[in-house]
Amino acid sequence: MSSTKGYSSEEENKNFIRSYIDEIFNKRDLSSIQRYFGGGSIENSLQAGKHGVGSGQFISEFFKAFPD
């Protein structure tokens, strides 16, 4: 099934994940986490918090531990 833009769902998913990795891990732009963990997101961990808060904290600590 393809979207109205002419891209398949698989292509859109790949592009979404590529942009997530590039923005969060390569560019280290933690402010963009809100875009990926929007209002309806659910993190499957009690410690994670809502809307990417836990993921942002985890990734921030990861960057501190592994600065390179």
Protein backbone atom coordinates (compact mmCIF):
# COMPACT_ATOMS: atom_id res chain seq x y z
CA MET A 1 0.00 0.00 0.00
CA SER A 2 1.49 3.33 -0.93
CA SER A 3 0.84 6.79 0.42
CA THR A 4 -0.60 9.70 -1.52
CA LYS A 5 2.93 11.10 -1.98
CA GLY A 6 3.99 8.12 -4.07
CA TYR A 7 6.24 6.67 -1.37
CA SER A 8 5.65 3.28 0.14
CA SER A 9 5.16 2.99 3.88
CA GLU A 10 8.45 1.10 4.03
CA GLU A 11 10.31 3.97 2.35
CA GLU A 12 8.66 6.51 4.65
CA ASN A 13 9.61 4.45 7.69
CA LYS A 14 13.22 4.15 6.51
CA ASN A 15 13.41 7.90 5.92
CA PHE A 16 11.90 8.58 9.34
CA ILE A 17 14.47 6.36 11.10
CA ARG A 18 17.35 7.80 9.05
CA SER A 19 16.36 11.35 10.00
CA TYR A 20 15.99 10.31 13.68
CA ILE A 21 19.48 8.80 13.73
CA ASP A 22 20.97 11.75 11.88
CA GLU A 23 19.38 14.45 14.04
CA ILE A 24 19.65 12.76 17.42
CA PHE A 25 22.87 10.77 17.22
CA ASN A 26 24.92 12.40 14.46
CA LYS A 27 23.97 16.04 15.04
CA ARG A 28 23.22 15.47 18.74
CA ASP A 29 20.13 17.67 18.51
CA LEU A 30 18.15 16.44 21.50
CA SER A 31 15.60 19.21 21.03
CA SER A 32 14.25 17.31 18.00
CA ILE A 33 13.22 14.35 20.18
CA GLN A 34 9.79 15.96 20.61
CA ARG A 35 9.22 15.59 16.87
CA TYR A 36 9.83 11.85 17.04
CA PHE A 37 8.10 11.23 20.36
CA GLY A 38 5.02 13.36 19.91
CA GLY A 39 1.92 13.64 22.04
CA GLY A 40 0.59 10.20 21.23
CA SER A 41 3.78 8.23 21.77
CA ILE A 42 4.05 5.51 24.37
CA GLU A 43 7.34 4.35 25.82
CA ASN A 44 7.19 0.82 27.14
CA SER A 45 9.13 1.46 30.31
CA LEU A 46 7.87 2.87 33.59
CA GLN A 47 11.09 4.88 33.92
CA ALA A 48 10.86 6.37 30.43
CA GLY A 49 8.32 9.07 31.12
CA LYS A 50 6.09 10.51 28.43
CA HIS A 51 6.67 12.15 25.06
CA GLY A 52 10.33 11.17 24.77
CA VAL A 53 11.40 12.63 28.11
CA GLY A 54 12.96 9.36 29.25
CA SER A 55 14.57 8.72 25.90
CA GLY A 56 16.03 12.23 25.91
CA GLN A 57 17.46 11.74 29.39
CA PHE A 58 18.93 8.36 28.45
CA ILE A 59 20.53 9.69 25.26
CA SER A 60 21.86 12.76 27.08
CA GLU A 61 23.54 10.53 29.68
CA PHE A 62 24.85 8.31 26.88
CA PHE A 63 26.49 11.34 25.21
CA LYS A 64 28.08 12.34 28.52
CA ALA A 65 29.48 8.86 29.02
CA PHE A 66 30.64 8.53 25.41
CA PRO A 67 31.46 12.03 24.16
CA ASP A 68 33.09 10.85 20.94
